[in-house]
């Protein structure tokens, strides 16, 4: 596992098991939705002082890995 992947953690006792950043109560989903809504990364880092710039890179890497694993299979009717 690379250093970025190590920053994303999943624990059933934290945020109902959703992927979080370094076990904090900040989810990957929360960060992606904020960025998609137009919140600049600098504002996220200011709003969440416990976040580090590398955490945002880890979020992107995690999302990229999920997309790369997505497959669509035809279903015969």
C-alpha atoms as a PDB file:
ATOM      1  CA  UNK A   1       0.000   0.000   0.000  1.00  0.00           C
ATOM      2  CA  UNK A   2       1.322   3.472  -0.786  1.00  0.00           C
ATOM      3  CA  UNK A   3       1.551   6.418   1.592  1.00  0.00           C
ATOM      4  CA  UNK A   4      -1.546   8.102   0.141  1.00  0.00           C
ATOM      5  CA  UNK A   5      -3.662   4.971   0.562  1.00  0.00           C
ATOM      6  CA  UNK A   6      -2.540   4.721   4.188  1.00  0.00           C
ATOM      7  CA  UNK A   7      -4.211   8.068   4.885  1.00  0.00           C
ATOM      8  CA  UNK A   8      -7.679   6.699   4.078  1.00  0.00           C
ATOM      9  CA  UNK A   9      -9.033   4.496   6.836  1.00  0.00           C
ATOM     10  CA  UNK A  10     -12.234   2.547   7.393  1.00  0.00           C
ATOM     11  CA  UNK A  11     -13.358   1.616  10.867  1.00  0.00           C
ATOM     12  CA  UNK A  12     -16.888   0.428  11.686  1.00  0.00           C
ATOM     13  CA  UNK A  13     -16.748   2.535  14.856  1.00  0.00           C
ATOM     14  CA  UNK A  14     -15.945   5.790  13.039  1.00  0.00           C
ATOM     15  CA  UNK A  15     -18.563   7.452  10.812  1.00  0.00           C
ATOM     16  CA  UNK A  16     -20.402   4.114  10.374  1.00  0.00           C
ATOM     17  CA  UNK A  17     -17.431   2.601   8.562  1.00  0.00           C
ATOM     18  CA  UNK A  18     -17.289   5.144   5.747  1.00  0.00           C
ATOM     19  CA  UNK A  19     -13.810   5.909   4.412  1.00  0.00           C
ATOM     20  CA  UNK A  20     -12.308   8.702   6.489  1.00  0.00           C
ATOM     21  CA  UNK A  21      -9.103  10.656   6.441  1.00  0.00           C
ATOM     22  CA  UNK A  22      -6.613   9.284   8.976  1.00  0.00           C
ATOM     23  CA  UNK A  23      -9.404   8.093  11.263  1.00  0.00           C
ATOM     24  CA  UNK A  24     -10.689  11.623  11.725  1.00  0.00           C
ATOM     25  CA  UNK A  25     -14.408  12.239  11.571  1.00  0.00           C
ATOM     26  CA  UNK A  26     -13.952  13.711   8.095  1.00  0.00           C
ATOM     27  CA  UNK A  27     -15.151  11.408   5.338  1.00  0.00           C
ATOM     28  CA  UNK A  28     -13.839  11.048   1.814  1.00  0.00           C
ATOM     29  CA  UNK A  29     -17.429  11.639   0.673  1.00  0.00           C
ATOM     30  CA  UNK A  30     -17.625  14.911   2.604  1.00  0.00           C
ATOM     31  CA  UNK A  31     -14.449  16.237   0.985  1.00  0.00           C
ATOM     32  CA  UNK A  32     -15.439  15.140  -2.532  1.00  0.00           C
ATOM     33  CA  UNK A  33     -18.898  16.713  -2.215  1.00  0.00           C
ATOM     34  CA  UNK A  34     -17.428  19.968  -0.938  1.00  0.00           C
ATOM     35  CA  UNK A  35     -14.933  20.122  -3.802  1.00  0.00           C
ATOM     36  CA  UNK A  36     -17.656  19.247  -6.328  1.00  0.00           C
ATOM     37  CA  UNK A  37     -19.753  22.095  -4.924  1.00  0.00           C
ATOM     38  CA  UNK A  38     -16.921  24.496  -5.685  1.00  0.00           C
ATOM     39  CA  UNK A  39     -15.315  24.841  -2.267  1.00  0.00           C
ATOM     40  CA  UNK A  40     -11.648  25.642  -2.926  1.00  0.00           C
ATOM     41  CA  UNK A  41      -9.118  23.231  -1.383  1.00  0.00           C
ATOM     42  CA  UNK A  42      -7.584  26.144   0.535  1.00  0.00           C
ATOM     43  CA  UNK A  43     -10.933  26.787   2.233  1.00  0.00           C
ATOM     44  CA  UNK A  44     -11.252  23.129   3.231  1.00  0.00           C
ATOM     45  CA  UNK A  45      -7.792  23.210   4.762  1.00  0.00           C
ATOM     46  CA  UNK A  46      -8.735  26.353   6.655  1.00  0.00           C
ATOM     47  CA  UNK A  47     -12.120  24.981   7.778  1.00  0.00           C
ATOM     48  CA  UNK A  48     -10.554  21.690   8.905  1.00  0.00           C
ATOM     49  CA  UNK A  49      -7.159  22.599  10.389  1.00  0.00           C
ATOM     50  CA  UNK A  50      -6.443  18.940  11.146  1.00  0.00           C
ATOM     51  CA  UNK A  51      -6.362  18.230   7.396  1.00  0.00           C
ATOM     52  CA  UNK A  52      -3.107  18.347   5.493  1.00  0.00           C
ATOM     53  CA  UNK A  53      -2.714  19.054   1.759  1.00  0.00           C
ATOM     54  CA  UNK A  54      -1.582  15.450   1.278  1.00  0.00           C
ATOM     55  CA  UNK A  55      -4.927  14.289   2.675  1.00  0.00           C
ATOM     56  CA  UNK A  56      -6.686  15.877  -0.296  1.00  0.00           C
ATOM     57  CA  UNK A  57      -4.359  14.022  -2.660  1.00  0.00           C
ATOM     58  CA  UNK A  58      -5.234  10.814  -0.814  1.00  0.00           C
ATOM     59  CA  UNK A  59      -8.950  11.510  -1.351  1.00  0.00           C
ATOM     60  CA  UNK A  60      -8.371  11.882  -5.099  1.00  0.00           C
ATOM     61  CA  UNK A  61      -6.250   8.733  -5.231  1.00  0.00           C
ATOM     62  CA  UNK A  62      -8.912   6.777  -3.327  1.00  0.00           C
ATOM     63  CA  UNK A  63     -11.676   7.984  -5.659  1.00  0.00           C
ATOM     64  CA  UNK A  64      -9.526   7.189  -8.684  1.00  0.00           C
ATOM     65  CA  UNK A  65      -8.939   3.666  -7.424  1.00  0.00           C
ATOM     66  CA  UNK A  66     -12.685   3.119  -6.978  1.00  0.00           C
ATOM     67  CA  UNK A  67     -13.419   4.355 -10.492  1.00  0.00           C
ATOM     68  CA  UNK A  68     -10.684   2.180 -11.970  1.00  0.00           C
ATOM     69  CA  UNK A  69     -12.264  -0.887 -10.351  1.00  0.00           C
ATOM     70  CA  UNK A  70     -15.731  -0.169 -11.762  1.00  0.00           C
ATOM     71  CA  UNK A  71     -16.854  -2.651 -14.389  1.00  0.00           C
ATOM     72  CA  UNK A  72     -20.113  -3.040 -16.258  1.00  0.00           C
ATOM     73  CA  UNK A  73     -21.070  -6.503 -17.416  1.00  0.00           C
ATOM     74  CA  UNK A  74     -23.785  -7.243 -19.955  1.00  0.00           C
ATOM     75  CA  UNK A  75     -26.741  -9.202 -18.686  1.00  0.00           C
ATOM     76  CA  UNK A  76     -28.312 -11.721 -21.030  1.00  0.00           C
ATOM     77  CA  UNK A  77     -32.076 -11.521 -21.007  1.00  0.00           C
END
